Amino acid sequence: EAGAAGKRLSDHVLHLTVHGVLHLLGYDHDKAREARTMERLE
């Protein structure tokens, strides 16, 4: 994914880490409003 997006692997892994932790805290992205909230935090 990082290669396809032209991103550094470390940056992408840190993003995935943040994303996963926010899911543990109850955040989700199934609905547009929830996705915007989660993206802003990320």
Full PDB file with SEQRES, HELIX, SHEET, SSBOND, CRYST1, ORIGX, SCALE, CONECT and MASTER records, all heavy atoms in Angstrom:
SEQRES   1 A   42  GLU ALA GLY ALA ALA GLY LYS ARG LEU SER ASP HIS VAL          
SEQRES   2 A   42  LEU HIS LEU THR VAL HIS GLY VAL LEU HIS LEU LEU GLY          
SEQRES   3 A   42  TYR ASP HIS ASP LYS ALA ARG GLU ALA ARG THR MET GLU          
SEQRES   4 A   42  ARG LEU GLU                                                  
HELIX    1 AA1 ALA A    2  ALA A    5  1                                   4    
HELIX    2 AA2 LEU A    9  LEU A   24  1                                  16    
HELIX    3 AA3 ALA A   32  LEU A   41  1                                  10    
CRYST1    1.000    1.000    1.000  90.00  90.00  90.00 P 1           1          
ORIGX1      1.000000  0.000000  0.000000        0.00000                         
ORIGX2      0.000000  1.000000  0.000000        0.00000                         
ORIGX3      0.000000  0.000000  1.000000        0.00000                         
SCALE1      1.000000  0.000000  0.000000        0.00000                         
SCALE2      0.000000  1.000000  0.000000        0.00000                         
SCALE3      0.000000  0.000000  1.000000        0.00000                         
ATOM      1  N   GLU A   1       0.827  -1.209   0.000  1.00  0.00           N  
ATOM      2  CA  GLU A   1       0.000   0.000   0.000  1.00  0.00           C  
ATOM      3  C   GLU A   1       0.859   1.257   0.000  1.00  0.00           C  
ATOM      4  O   GLU A   1       0.575   2.200  -0.742  1.00  0.00           O  
ATOM      5  CB  GLU A   1      -0.935   0.014   1.216  1.00  0.00           C  
ATOM      6  CG  GLU A   1      -2.039  -0.998   1.154  1.00  0.00           C  
ATOM      7  CD  GLU A   1      -2.864  -1.044   2.429  1.00  0.00           C  
ATOM      8  OE1 GLU A   1      -2.432  -0.510   3.476  1.00  0.00           O  
ATOM      9  OE2 GLU A   1      -3.948  -1.647   2.379  1.00  0.00           O  
ATOM     10  N   ALA A   2       1.881   1.270   0.834  1.00  0.00           N  
ATOM     11  CA  ALA A   2       2.766   2.443   0.902  1.00  0.00           C  
ATOM     12  C   ALA A   2       3.437   2.671  -0.451  1.00  0.00           C  
ATOM     13  O   ALA A   2       3.495   3.807  -0.940  1.00  0.00           O  
ATOM     14  CB  ALA A   2       3.817   2.257   1.996  1.00  0.00           C  
ATOM     15  N   GLY A   3       3.929   1.613  -1.061  1.00  0.00           N  
ATOM     16  CA  GLY A   3       4.570   1.729  -2.367  1.00  0.00           C  
ATOM     17  C   GLY A   3       3.620   2.243  -3.430  1.00  0.00           C  
ATOM     18  O   GLY A   3       3.971   3.131  -4.218  1.00  0.00           O  
ATOM     19  N   ALA A   4       2.417   1.705  -3.445  1.00  0.00           N  
ATOM     20  CA  ALA A   4       1.425   2.116  -4.445  1.00  0.00           C  
ATOM     21  C   ALA A   4       1.022   3.578  -4.281  1.00  0.00           C  
ATOM     22  O   ALA A   4       0.715   4.260  -5.256  1.00  0.00           O  
ATOM     23  CB  ALA A   4       0.191   1.220  -4.353  1.00  0.00           C  
ATOM     24  N   ALA A   5       1.029   4.057  -3.043  1.00  0.00           N  
ATOM     25  CA  ALA A   5       0.633   5.440  -2.764  1.00  0.00           C  
ATOM     26  C   ALA A   5       1.819   6.405  -2.787  1.00  0.00           C  
ATOM     27  O   ALA A   5       1.636   7.603  -2.592  1.00  0.00           O  
ATOM     28  CB  ALA A   5      -0.065   5.510  -1.406  1.00  0.00           C  
ATOM     29  N   GLY A   6       3.030   5.875  -2.972  1.00  0.00           N  
ATOM     30  CA  GLY A   6       4.212   6.731  -2.964  1.00  0.00           C  
ATOM     31  C   GLY A   6       4.538   7.290  -1.590  1.00  0.00           C  
ATOM     32  O   GLY A   6       5.068   8.394  -1.466  1.00  0.00           O  
ATOM     33  N   LYS A   7       4.217   6.524  -0.546  1.00  0.00           N  
ATOM     34  CA  LYS A   7       4.452   6.968   0.830  1.00  0.00           C  
ATOM     35  C   LYS A   7       5.571   6.152   1.453  1.00  0.00           C  
ATOM     36  O   LYS A   7       5.847   5.027   1.042  1.00  0.00           O  
ATOM     37  CB  LYS A   7       3.191   6.760   1.673  1.00  0.00           C  
ATOM     38  CG  LYS A   7       2.009   7.571   1.218  1.00  0.00           C  
ATOM     39  CD  LYS A   7       0.796   7.268   2.062  1.00  0.00           C  
ATOM     40  CE  LYS A   7      -0.392   8.075   1.570  1.00  0.00           C  
ATOM     41  NZ  LYS A   7      -1.594   7.794   2.345  1.00  0.00           N  
ATOM     42  N   ARG A   8       6.181   6.720   2.468  1.00  0.00           N  
ATOM     43  CA  ARG A   8       7.169   5.967   3.245  1.00  0.00           C  
ATOM     44  C   ARG A   8       6.434   4.904   4.052  1.00  0.00           C  
ATOM     45  O   ARG A   8       5.366   5.165   4.620  1.00  0.00           O  
ATOM     46  CB  ARG A   8       7.923   6.898   4.187  1.00  0.00           C  
ATOM     47  CG  ARG A   8       8.813   7.878   3.472  1.00  0.00           C  
ATOM     48  CD  ARG A   8       9.521   8.825   4.398  1.00  0.00           C  
ATOM     49  NE  ARG A   8       9.939   8.124   5.624  1.00  0.00           N  
ATOM     50  CZ  ARG A   8      10.359   8.737   6.709  1.00  0.00           C  
ATOM     51  NH1 ARG A   8      10.409  10.050   6.762  1.00  0.00           N  
ATOM     52  NH2 ARG A   8      10.731   8.057   7.774  1.00  0.00           N  
ATOM     53  N   LEU A   9       7.027   3.713   4.123  1.00  0.00           N  
ATOM     54  CA  LEU A   9       6.414   2.630   4.887  1.00  0.00           C  
ATOM     55  C   LEU A   9       6.188   3.055   6.332  1.00  0.00           C  
ATOM     56  O   LEU A   9       5.117   2.808   6.894  1.00  0.00           O  
ATOM     57  CB  LEU A   9       7.272   1.363   4.827  1.00  0.00           C  
ATOM     58  CG  LEU A   9       6.784   0.193   5.689  1.00  0.00           C  
ATOM     59  CD1 LEU A   9       5.382  -0.246   5.273  1.00  0.00           C  
ATOM     60  CD2 LEU A   9       7.765  -0.961   5.619  1.00  0.00           C  
ATOM     61  N   SER A  10       7.160   3.707   6.943  1.00  0.00           N  
ATOM     62  CA  SER A  10       7.013   4.102   8.350  1.00  0.00           C  
ATOM     63  C   SER A  10       5.819   5.034   8.547  1.00  0.00           C  
ATOM     64  O   SER A  10       5.061   4.882   9.503  1.00  0.00           O  
ATOM     65  CB  SER A  10       8.289   4.738   8.884  1.00  0.00           C  
ATOM     66  OG  SER A  10       8.626   5.873   8.135  1.00  0.00           O  
ATOM     67  N   ASP A  11       5.625   5.979   7.641  1.00  0.00           N  
ATOM     68  CA  ASP A  11       4.477   6.896   7.749  1.00  0.00           C  
ATOM     69  C   ASP A  11       3.160   6.128   7.646  1.00  0.00           C  
ATOM     70  O   ASP A  11       2.217   6.379   8.397  1.00  0.00           O  
ATOM     71  CB  ASP A  11       4.534   7.968   6.666  1.00  0.00           C  
ATOM     72  CG  ASP A  11       5.656   8.965   6.866  1.00  0.00           C  
ATOM     73  OD1 ASP A  11       6.343   8.922   7.918  1.00  0.00           O  
ATOM     74  OD2 ASP A  11       5.855   9.806   5.960  1.00  0.00           O  
ATOM     75  N   HIS A  12       3.101   5.188   6.708  1.00  0.00           N  
ATOM     76  CA  HIS A  12       1.870   4.420   6.511  1.00  0.00           C  
ATOM     77  C   HIS A  12       1.591   3.522   7.721  1.00  0.00           C  
ATOM     78  O   HIS A  12       0.447   3.433   8.185  1.00  0.00           O  
ATOM     79  CB  HIS A  12       1.960   3.603   5.221  1.00  0.00           C  
ATOM     80  CG  HIS A  12       0.682   2.929   4.849  1.00  0.00           C  
ATOM     81  ND1 HIS A  12      -0.519   3.598   4.754  1.00  0.00           N  
ATOM     82  CD2 HIS A  12       0.414   1.626   4.560  1.00  0.00           C  
ATOM     83  CE1 HIS A  12      -1.472   2.741   4.420  1.00  0.00           C  
ATOM     84  NE2 HIS A  12      -0.932   1.544   4.297  1.00  0.00           N  
ATOM     85  N   VAL A  13       2.613   2.894   8.256  1.00  0.00           N  
ATOM     86  CA  VAL A  13       2.429   2.032   9.430  1.00  0.00           C  
ATOM     87  C   VAL A  13       1.956   2.844  10.629  1.00  0.00           C  
ATOM     88  O   VAL A  13       1.076   2.407  11.374  1.00  0.00           O  
ATOM     89  CB  VAL A  13       3.727   1.259   9.751  1.00  0.00           C  
ATOM     90  CG1 VAL A  13       3.673   0.618  11.134  1.00  0.00           C  
ATOM     91  CG2 VAL A  13       3.986   0.197   8.683  1.00  0.00           C  
ATOM     92  N   LEU A  14       2.497   4.037  10.812  1.00  0.00           N  
ATOM     93  CA  LEU A  14       2.041   4.875  11.926  1.00  0.00           C  
ATOM     94  C   LEU A  14       0.585   5.289  11.729  1.00  0.00           C  
ATOM     95  O   LEU A  14      -0.190   5.320  12.685  1.00  0.00           O  
ATOM     96  CB  LEU A  14       2.957   6.083  12.099  1.00  0.00           C  
ATOM     97  CG  LEU A  14       4.397   5.740  12.486  1.00  0.00           C  
ATOM     98  CD1 LEU A  14       5.224   7.011  12.629  1.00  0.00           C  
ATOM     99  CD2 LEU A  14       4.470   4.903  13.746  1.00  0.00           C  
ATOM    100  N   HIS A  15       0.207   5.572  10.489  1.00  0.00           N  
ATOM    101  CA  HIS A  15      -1.192   5.883  10.204  1.00  0.00           C  
ATOM    102  C   HIS A  15      -2.075   4.678  10.536  1.00  0.00           C  
ATOM    103  O   HIS A  15      -3.119   4.812  11.190  1.00  0.00           O  
ATOM    104  CB  HIS A  15      -1.361   6.294   8.744  1.00  0.00           C  
ATOM    105  CG  HIS A  15      -2.768   6.614   8.374  1.00  0.00           C  
ATOM    106  ND1 HIS A  15      -3.223   6.571   7.090  1.00  0.00           N  
ATOM    107  CD2 HIS A  15      -3.850   6.965   9.120  1.00  0.00           C  
ATOM    108  CE1 HIS A  15      -4.496   6.892   7.052  1.00  0.00           C  
ATOM    109  NE2 HIS A  15      -4.906   7.132   8.281  1.00  0.00           N  
ATOM    110  N   LEU A  16      -1.681   3.491  10.117  1.00  0.00           N  
ATOM    111  CA  LEU A  16      -2.471   2.286  10.408  1.00  0.00           C  
ATOM    112  C   LEU A  16      -2.559   2.036  11.913  1.00  0.00           C  
ATOM    113  O   LEU A  16      -3.603   1.606  12.419  1.00  0.00           O  
ATOM    114  CB  LEU A  16      -1.861   1.072   9.707  1.00  0.00           C  
ATOM    115  CG  LEU A  16      -1.912   1.083   8.187  1.00  0.00           C  
ATOM    116  CD1 LEU A  16      -1.129  -0.101   7.620  1.00  0.00           C  
ATOM    117  CD2 LEU A  16      -3.344   1.083   7.678  1.00  0.00           C  
ATOM    118  N   THR A  17      -1.488   2.325  12.625  1.00  0.00           N  
ATOM    119  CA  THR A  17      -1.486   2.178  14.083  1.00  0.00           C  
ATOM    120  C   THR A  17      -2.516   3.104  14.710  1.00  0.00           C  
ATOM    121  O   THR A  17      -3.342   2.681  15.533  1.00  0.00           O  
ATOM    122  CB  THR A  17      -0.087   2.480  14.659  1.00  0.00           C  
ATOM    123  OG1 THR A  17       0.858   1.553  14.100  1.00  0.00           O  
ATOM    124  CG2 THR A  17      -0.074   2.385  16.171  1.00  0.00           C  
ATOM    125  N   VAL A  18      -2.491   4.363  14.331  1.00  0.00           N  
ATOM    126  CA  VAL A  18      -3.446   5.346  14.854  1.00  0.00           C  
ATOM    127  C   VAL A  18      -4.870   4.901  14.525  1.00  0.00           C  
ATOM    128  O   VAL A  18      -5.763   4.921  15.388  1.00  0.00           O  
ATOM    129  CB  VAL A  18      -3.157   6.750  14.282  1.00  0.00           C  
ATOM    130  CG1 VAL A  18      -4.267   7.732  14.629  1.00  0.00           C  
ATOM    131  CG2 VAL A  18      -1.808   7.260  14.788  1.00  0.00           C  
ATOM    132  N   HIS A  19      -5.082   4.481  13.300  1.00  0.00           N  
ATOM    133  CA  HIS A  19      -6.395   4.023  12.846  1.00  0.00           C  
ATOM    134  C   HIS A  19      -6.885   2.848  13.717  1.00  0.00           C  
ATOM    135  O   HIS A  19      -8.020   2.854  14.198  1.00  0.00           O  
ATOM    136  CB  HIS A  19      -6.300   3.602  11.368  1.00  0.00           C  
ATOM    137  CG  HIS A  19      -7.590   3.248  10.747  1.00  0.00           C  
ATOM    138  ND1 HIS A  19      -8.417   4.194  10.173  1.00  0.00           N  
ATOM    139  CD2 HIS A  19      -8.204   2.054  10.587  1.00  0.00           C  
ATOM    140  CE1 HIS A  19      -9.483   3.584   9.688  1.00  0.00           C  
ATOM    141  NE2 HIS A  19      -9.379   2.288   9.927  1.00  0.00           N  
ATOM    142  N   GLY A  20      -6.009   1.876  13.934  1.00  0.00           N  
ATOM    143  CA  GLY A  20      -6.381   0.720  14.735  1.00  0.00           C  
ATOM    144  C   GLY A  20      -6.690   1.074  16.177  1.00  0.00           C  
ATOM    145  O   GLY A  20      -7.653   0.561  16.760  1.00  0.00           O  
ATOM    146  N   VAL A  21      -5.912   1.958  16.773  1.00  0.00           N  
ATOM    147  CA  VAL A  21      -6.146   2.366  18.162  1.00  0.00           C  
ATOM    148  C   VAL A  21      -7.475   3.123  18.273  1.00  0.00           C  
ATOM    149  O   VAL A  21      -8.240   2.908  19.214  1.00  0.00           O  
ATOM    150  CB  VAL A  21      -4.971   3.203  18.708  1.00  0.00           C  
ATOM    151  CG1 VAL A  21      -5.308   3.815  20.062  1.00  0.00           C  
ATOM    152  CG2 VAL A  21      -3.712   2.340  18.808  1.00  0.00           C  
ATOM    153  N   LEU A  22      -7.759   3.977  17.315  1.00  0.00           N  
ATOM    154  CA  LEU A  22      -9.049   4.689  17.345  1.00  0.00           C  
ATOM    155  C   LEU A  22     -10.221   3.713  17.265  1.00  0.00           C  
ATOM    156  O   LEU A  22     -11.248   3.921  17.913  1.00  0.00           O  
ATOM    157  CB  LEU A  22      -9.114   5.737  16.233  1.00  0.00           C  
ATOM    158  CG  LEU A  22      -8.189   6.944  16.427  1.00  0.00           C  
ATOM    159  CD1 LEU A  22      -8.253   7.868  15.214  1.00  0.00           C  
ATOM    160  CD2 LEU A  22      -8.505   7.702  17.709  1.00  0.00           C  
ATOM    161  N   HIS A  23     -10.068   2.636  16.501  1.00  0.00           N  
ATOM    162  CA  HIS A  23     -11.115   1.603  16.493  1.00  0.00           C  
ATOM    163  C   HIS A  23     -11.288   1.003  17.885  1.00  0.00           C  
ATOM    164  O   HIS A  23     -12.424   0.779  18.324  1.00  0.00           O  
ATOM    165  CB  HIS A  23     -10.784   0.495  15.491  1.00  0.00           C  
ATOM    166  CG  HIS A  23     -11.233   0.773  14.095  1.00  0.00           C  
ATOM    167  ND1 HIS A  23     -12.522   1.127  13.770  1.00  0.00           N  
ATOM    168  CD2 HIS A  23     -10.546   0.741  12.928  1.00  0.00           C  
ATOM    169  CE1 HIS A  23     -12.618   1.295  12.469  1.00  0.00           C  
ATOM    170  NE2 HIS A  23     -11.430   1.081  11.923  1.00  0.00           N  
ATOM    171  N   LEU A  24     -10.188   0.758  18.592  1.00  0.00           N  
ATOM    172  CA  LEU A  24     -10.291   0.222  19.956  1.00  0.00           C  
ATOM    173  C   LEU A  24     -11.054   1.166  20.871  1.00  0.00           C  
ATOM    174  O   LEU A  24     -11.711   0.724  21.813  1.00  0.00           O  
ATOM    175  CB  LEU A  24      -8.902  -0.033  20.552  1.00  0.00           C  
ATOM    176  CG  LEU A  24      -8.064  -1.147  19.948  1.00  0.00           C  
ATOM    177  CD1 LEU A  24      -6.746  -1.265  20.707  1.00  0.00           C  
ATOM    178  CD2 LEU A  24      -8.801  -2.468  19.940  1.00  0.00           C  
ATOM    179  N   LEU A  25     -10.954   2.455  20.593  1.00  0.00           N  
ATOM    180  CA  LEU A  25     -11.635   3.459  21.412  1.00  0.00           C  
ATOM    181  C   LEU A  25     -13.097   3.664  20.995  1.00  0.00           C  
ATOM    182  O   LEU A  25     -13.797   4.489  21.580  1.00  0.00           O  
ATOM    183  CB  LEU A  25     -10.887   4.792  21.333  1.00  0.00           C  
ATOM    184  CG  LEU A  25      -9.516   4.799  22.006  1.00  0.00           C  
ATOM    185  CD1 LEU A  25      -8.782   6.095  21.697  1.00  0.00           C  
ATOM    186  CD2 LEU A  25      -9.648   4.592  23.505  1.00  0.00           C  
ATOM    187  N   GLY A  26     -13.540   2.941  19.989  1.00  0.00           N  
ATOM    188  CA  GLY A  26     -14.944   3.008  19.589  1.00  0.00           C  
ATOM    189  C   GLY A  26     -15.226   3.817  18.348  1.00  0.00           C  
ATOM    190  O   GLY A  26     -16.384   3.954  17.947  1.00  0.00           O  
ATOM    191  N   TYR A  27     -14.213   4.368  17.726  1.00  0.00           N  
ATOM    192  CA  TYR A  27     -14.413   5.135  16.493  1.00  0.00           C  
ATOM    193  C   TYR A  27     -14.584   4.179  15.317  1.00  0.00           C  
ATOM    194  O   TYR A  27     -14.040   3.072  15.324  1.00  0.00           O  
ATOM    195  CB  TYR A  27     -13.230   6.074  16.230  1.00  0.00           C  
ATOM    196  CG  TYR A  27     -13.154   7.194  17.222  1.00  0.00           C  
ATOM    197  CD1 TYR A  27     -12.436   7.060  18.403  1.00  0.00           C  
ATOM    198  CD2 TYR A  27     -13.818   8.399  16.999  1.00  0.00           C  
ATOM    199  CE1 TYR A  27     -12.369   8.077  19.331  1.00  0.00           C  
ATOM    200  CE2 TYR A  27     -13.761   9.431  17.924  1.00  0.00           C  
ATOM    201  CZ  TYR A  27     -13.037   9.260  19.092  1.00  0.00           C  
ATOM    202  OH  TYR A  27     -12.988  10.280  20.001  1.00  0.00           O  
ATOM    203  N   ASP A  28     -15.336   4.631  14.322  1.00  0.00           N  
ATOM    204  CA  ASP A  28     -15.555   3.811  13.132  1.00  0.00           C  
ATOM    205  C   ASP A  28     -15.687   4.707  11.919  1.00  0.00           C  
ATOM    206  O   ASP A  28     -15.700   5.932  12.051  1.00  0.00           O  
ATOM    207  CB  ASP A  28     -16.808   2.950  13.310  1.00  0.00           C  
ATOM    208  CG  ASP A  28     -16.689   1.611  12.599  1.00  0.00           C  
ATOM    209  OD1 ASP A  28     -15.896   1.507  11.629  1.00  0.00           O  
ATOM    210  OD2 ASP A  28     -17.386   0.675  13.000  1.00  0.00           O  
ATOM    211  N   HIS A  29     -15.811   4.105  10.758  1.00  0.00           N  
ATOM    212  CA  HIS A  29     -15.885   4.883   9.523  1.00  0.00           C  
ATOM    213  C   HIS A  29     -16.921   4.313   8.567  1.00  0.00           C  
ATOM    214  O   HIS A  29     -16.824   4.487   7.358  1.00  0.00           O  
ATOM    215  CB  HIS A  29     -14.502   4.966   8.851  1.00  0.00           C  
ATOM    216  CG  HIS A  29     -13.785   3.659   8.789  1.00  0.00           C  
ATOM    217  ND1 HIS A  29     -14.050   2.687   7.863  1.00  0.00           N  
ATOM    218  CD2 HIS A  29     -12.808   3.172   9.590  1.00  0.00           C  
ATOM    219  CE1 HIS A  29     -13.262   1.652   8.075  1.00  0.00           C  
ATOM    220  NE2 HIS A  29     -12.498   1.916   9.128  1.00  0.00           N  
ATOM    221  N   ASP A  30     -17.937   3.652   9.112  1.00  0.00           N  
ATOM    222  CA  ASP A  30     -18.983   3.075   8.273  1.00  0.00           C  
ATOM    223  C   ASP A  30     -19.899   4.143   7.686  1.00  0.00           C  
ATOM    224  O   ASP A  30     -20.421   3.983   6.594  1.00  0.00           O  
ATOM    225  CB  ASP A  30     -19.818   2.065   9.064  1.00  0.00           C  
ATOM    226  CG  ASP A  30     -19.029   0.805   9.369  1.00  0.00           C  
ATOM    227  OD1 ASP A  30     -18.074   0.498   8.619  1.00  0.00           O  
ATOM    228  OD2 ASP A  30     -19.356   0.126  10.368  1.00  0.00           O  
ATOM    229  N   LYS A  31     -20.102   5.224   8.414  1.00  0.00           N  
ATOM    230  CA  LYS A  31     -20.943   6.323   7.943  1.00  0.00           C  
ATOM    231  C   LYS A  31     -20.056   7.534   7.671  1.00  0.00           C  
ATOM    232  O   LYS A  31     -19.027   7.710   8.330  1.00  0.00           O  
ATOM    233  CB  LYS A  31     -22.002   6.661   8.986  1.00  0.00           C  
ATOM    234  CG  LYS A  31     -22.964   5.513   9.222  1.00  0.00           C  
ATOM    235  CD  LYS A  31     -23.962   5.855  10.295  1.00  0.00           C  
ATOM    236  CE  LYS A  31     -24.848   4.635  10.537  1.00  0.00           C  
ATOM    237  NZ  LYS A  31     -25.432   4.633  11.844  1.00  0.00           N  
ATOM    238  N   ALA A  32     -20.465   8.367   6.740  1.00  0.00           N  
ATOM    239  CA  ALA A  32     -19.651   9.519   6.315  1.00  0.00           C  
ATOM    240  C   ALA A  32     -19.284  10.423   7.494  1.00  0.00           C  
ATOM    241  O   ALA A  32     -18.137  10.862   7.610  1.00  0.00           O  
ATOM    242  CB  ALA A  32     -20.375  10.316   5.236  1.00  0.00           C  
ATOM    243  N   ARG A  33     -20.218  10.702   8.361  1.00  0.00           N  
ATOM    244  CA  ARG A  33     -19.945  11.593   9.498  1.00  0.00           C  
ATOM    245  C   ARG A  33     -18.909  10.981  10.441  1.00  0.00           C  
ATOM    246  O   ARG A  33     -17.988  11.656  10.901  1.00  0.00           O  
ATOM    247  CB  ARG A  33     -21.244  11.878  10.238  1.00  0.00           C  
ATOM    248  CG  ARG A  33     -21.089  12.883  11.332  1.00  0.00           C  
ATOM    249  CD  ARG A  33     -22.417  13.182  11.967  1.00  0.00           C  
ATOM    250  NE  ARG A  33     -22.260  14.242  12.936  1.00  0.00           N  
ATOM    251  CZ  ARG A  33     -23.240  14.719  13.638  1.00  0.00           C  
ATOM    252  NH1 ARG A  33     -24.464  14.266  13.460  1.00  0.00           N  
ATOM    253  NH2 ARG A  33     -23.039  15.670  14.512  1.00  0.00           N  
ATOM    254  N   GLU A  34     -19.064   9.676  10.728  1.00  0.00           N  
ATOM    255  CA  GLU A  34     -18.104   8.979  11.578  1.00  0.00           C  
ATOM    256  C   GLU A  34     -16.727   8.966  10.923  1.00  0.00           C  
ATOM    257  O   GLU A  34     -15.709   9.145  11.589  1.00  0.00           O  
ATOM    258  CB  GLU A  34     -18.551   7.542  11.826  1.00  0.00           C  
ATOM    259  CG  GLU A  34     -19.788   7.403  12.663  1.00  0.00           C  
ATOM    260  CD  GLU A  34     -20.267   5.962  12.769  1.00  0.00           C  
ATOM    261  OE1 GLU A  34     -19.807   5.102  11.982  1.00  0.00           O  
ATOM    262  OE2 GLU A  34     -21.113   5.698  13.628  1.00  0.00           O  
ATOM    263  N   ALA A  35     -16.695   8.746   9.616  1.00  0.00           N  
ATOM    264  CA  ALA A  35     -15.426   8.711   8.881  1.00  0.00           C  
ATOM    265  C   ALA A  35     -14.718  10.066   8.979  1.00  0.00           C  
ATOM    266  O   ALA A  35     -13.500  10.111   9.189  1.00  0.00           O  
ATOM    267  CB  ALA A  35     -15.662   8.327   7.430  1.00  0.00           C  
ATOM    268  N   ARG A  36     -15.456  11.155   8.833  1.00  0.00           N  
ATOM    269  CA  ARG A  36     -14.846  12.485   8.925  1.00  0.00           C  
ATOM    270  C   ARG A  36     -14.267  12.723  10.315  1.00  0.00           C  
ATOM    271  O   ARG A  36     -13.171  13.260  10.458  1.00  0.00           O  
ATOM    272  CB  ARG A  36     -15.857  13.575   8.566  1.00  0.00           C  
ATOM    273  CG  ARG A  36     -16.117  13.688   7.073  1.00  0.00           C  
ATOM    274  CD  ARG A  36     -16.931  14.924   6.731  1.00  0.00           C  
ATOM    275  NE  ARG A  36     -18.223  14.985   7.414  1.00  0.00           N  
ATOM    276  CZ  ARG A  36     -19.342  14.414   6.973  1.00  0.00           C  
ATOM    277  NH1 ARG A  36     -19.341  13.746   5.841  1.00  0.00           N  
ATOM    278  NH2 ARG A  36     -20.468  14.540   7.648  1.00  0.00           N  
ATOM    279  N   THR A  37     -14.989  12.318  11.346  1.00  0.00           N  
ATOM    280  CA  THR A  37     -14.506  12.473  12.720  1.00  0.00           C  
ATOM    281  C   THR A  37     -13.220  11.678  12.928  1.00  0.00           C  
ATOM    282  O   THR A  37     -12.232  12.198  13.462  1.00  0.00           O  
ATOM    283  CB  THR A  37     -15.583  12.014  13.726  1.00  0.00           C  
ATOM    284  OG1 THR A  37     -16.739  12.827  13.565  1.00  0.00           O  
ATOM    285  CG2 THR A  37     -15.078  12.100  15.157  1.00  0.00           C  
ATOM    286  N   MET A  38     -13.230  10.438  12.480  1.00  0.00           N  
ATOM    287  CA  MET A  38     -12.063   9.579  12.644  1.00  0.00           C  
ATOM    288  C   MET A  38     -10.872  10.121  11.841  1.00  0.00           C  
ATOM    289  O   MET A  38      -9.754  10.159  12.334  1.00  0.00           O  
ATOM    290  CB  MET A  38     -12.413   8.149  12.214  1.00  0.00           C  
ATOM    291  CG  MET A  38     -11.409   7.118  12.626  1.00  0.00           C  
ATOM    292  SD  MET A  38     -12.118   5.472  12.376  1.00  0.00           S  
ATOM    293  CE  MET A  38     -10.718   4.465  12.836  1.00  0.00           C  
ATOM    294  N   GLU A  39     -11.127  10.555  10.626  1.00  0.00           N  
ATOM    295  CA  GLU A  39     -10.056  11.108   9.785  1.00  0.00           C  
ATOM    296  C   GLU A  39      -9.449  12.361  10.411  1.00  0.00           C  
ATOM    297  O   GLU A  39      -8.232  12.537  10.392  1.00  0.00           O  
ATOM    298  CB  GLU A  39     -10.571  11.411   8.379  1.00  0.00           C  
ATOM    299  CG  GLU A  39     -10.785  10.171   7.546  1.00  0.00           C  
ATOM    300  CD  GLU A  39     -11.408  10.454   6.192  1.00  0.00           C  
ATOM    301  OE1 GLU A  39     -11.529  11.640   5.793  1.00  0.00           O  
ATOM    302  OE2 GLU A  39     -11.788   9.476   5.517  1.00  0.00           O  
ATOM    303  N   ARG A  40     -10.278  13.224  10.979  1.00  0.00           N  
ATOM    304  CA  ARG A  40      -9.754  14.439  11.628  1.00  0.00           C  
ATOM    305  C   ARG A  40      -8.814  14.077  12.780  1.00  0.00           C  
ATOM    306  O   ARG A  40      -7.766  14.692  12.955  1.00  0.00           O  
ATOM    307  CB  ARG A  40     -10.892  15.327  12.129  1.00  0.00           C  
ATOM    308  CG  ARG A  40     -11.513  16.190  11.038  1.00  0.00           C  
ATOM    309  CD  ARG A  40     -12.408  17.282  11.620  1.00  0.00           C  
ATOM    310  NE  ARG A  40     -13.558  16.769  12.333  1.00  0.00           N  
ATOM    311  CZ  ARG A  40     -14.743  16.491  11.765  1.00  0.00           C  
ATOM    312  NH1 ARG A  40     -14.926  16.707  10.482  1.00  0.00           N  
ATOM    313  NH2 ARG A  40     -15.730  16.038  12.492  1.00  0.00           N  
ATOM    314  N   LEU A  41      -9.200  13.092  13.563  1.00  0.00           N  
ATOM    315  CA  LEU A  41      -8.338  12.645  14.669  1.00  0.00           C  
ATOM    316  C   LEU A  41      -7.034  12.057  14.132  1.00  0.00           C  
ATOM    317  O   LEU A  41      -5.956  12.344  14.655  1.00  0.00           O  
ATOM    318  CB  LEU A  41      -9.067  11.615  15.534  1.00  0.00           C  
ATOM    319  CG  LEU A  41     -10.153  12.164  16.439  1.00  0.00           C  
ATOM    320  CD1 LEU A  41     -10.993  11.031  17.012  1.00  0.00           C  
ATOM    321  CD2 LEU A  41      -9.533  12.984  17.559  1.00  0.00           C  
ATOM    322  N   GLU A  42      -7.127  11.228  13.097  1.00  0.00           N  
ATOM    323  CA  GLU A  42      -5.930  10.631  12.498  1.00  0.00           C  
ATOM    324  C   GLU A  42      -4.995  11.728  11.985  1.00  0.00           C  
ATOM    325  O   GLU A  42      -3.783  11.689  12.253  1.00  0.00           O  
ATOM    326  CB  GLU A  42      -6.305   9.693  11.349  1.00  0.00           C  
ATOM    327  CG  GLU A  42      -6.991   8.431  11.806  1.00  0.00           C  
ATOM    328  CD  GLU A  42      -7.538   7.601  10.650  1.00  0.00           C  
ATOM    329  OE1 GLU A  42      -7.321   7.951   9.467  1.00  0.00           O  
ATOM    330  OE2 GLU A  42      -8.195   6.590  10.932  1.00  0.00           O  
TER     331      GLU A  42                                                      
MASTER        0    0    0    3    0    0    0    6  330    1    0    4          
END                                                                             
